[in-house]
Amino acid sequence: MCGDQGYETLTNERDTANMKTITKVFIVSNPSGLCGRASAYVCRALQKFKSDIIVENLSNGVKACDKSILSILALKAPKGSQIKTTIVGSDCEEAMRSLDELFSGDAFLEI
């Protein structure tokens, strides 16, 4: 998890002036929310990218600024939660596409 200070530390470690930033809000549609399995899918999708990724549950203000399953679980995001995702870096478009596929498809649906 990170607060505003954690985000500043994360982005100040590199020169972000020349890096692209993308922000998008996703709605959690999985009946179980961002449970362990869904969080694992998110982490697996994000770990292959170099970009910095900040994820925030807009319902409770909790932020995650790394790509670990514990941080994603700490968002406490039940079904219907709005998840704001900000990605900064050279591969941010690919990273956002990867998340878009997860949240817009049926990857999270319980079997």
Foldseek 3Di string as FASTA:
>chain_A
DDDPVVVCVVPVVDPQPPKDKDKDKFFAAAQAFCPLVNLVLLLVLQPVDPWWKWKAFPVPGQIATDSDSVSVVVNVTHGGTIIMMMTIGDCRVVSVVSVCCSRVDCVRYDD
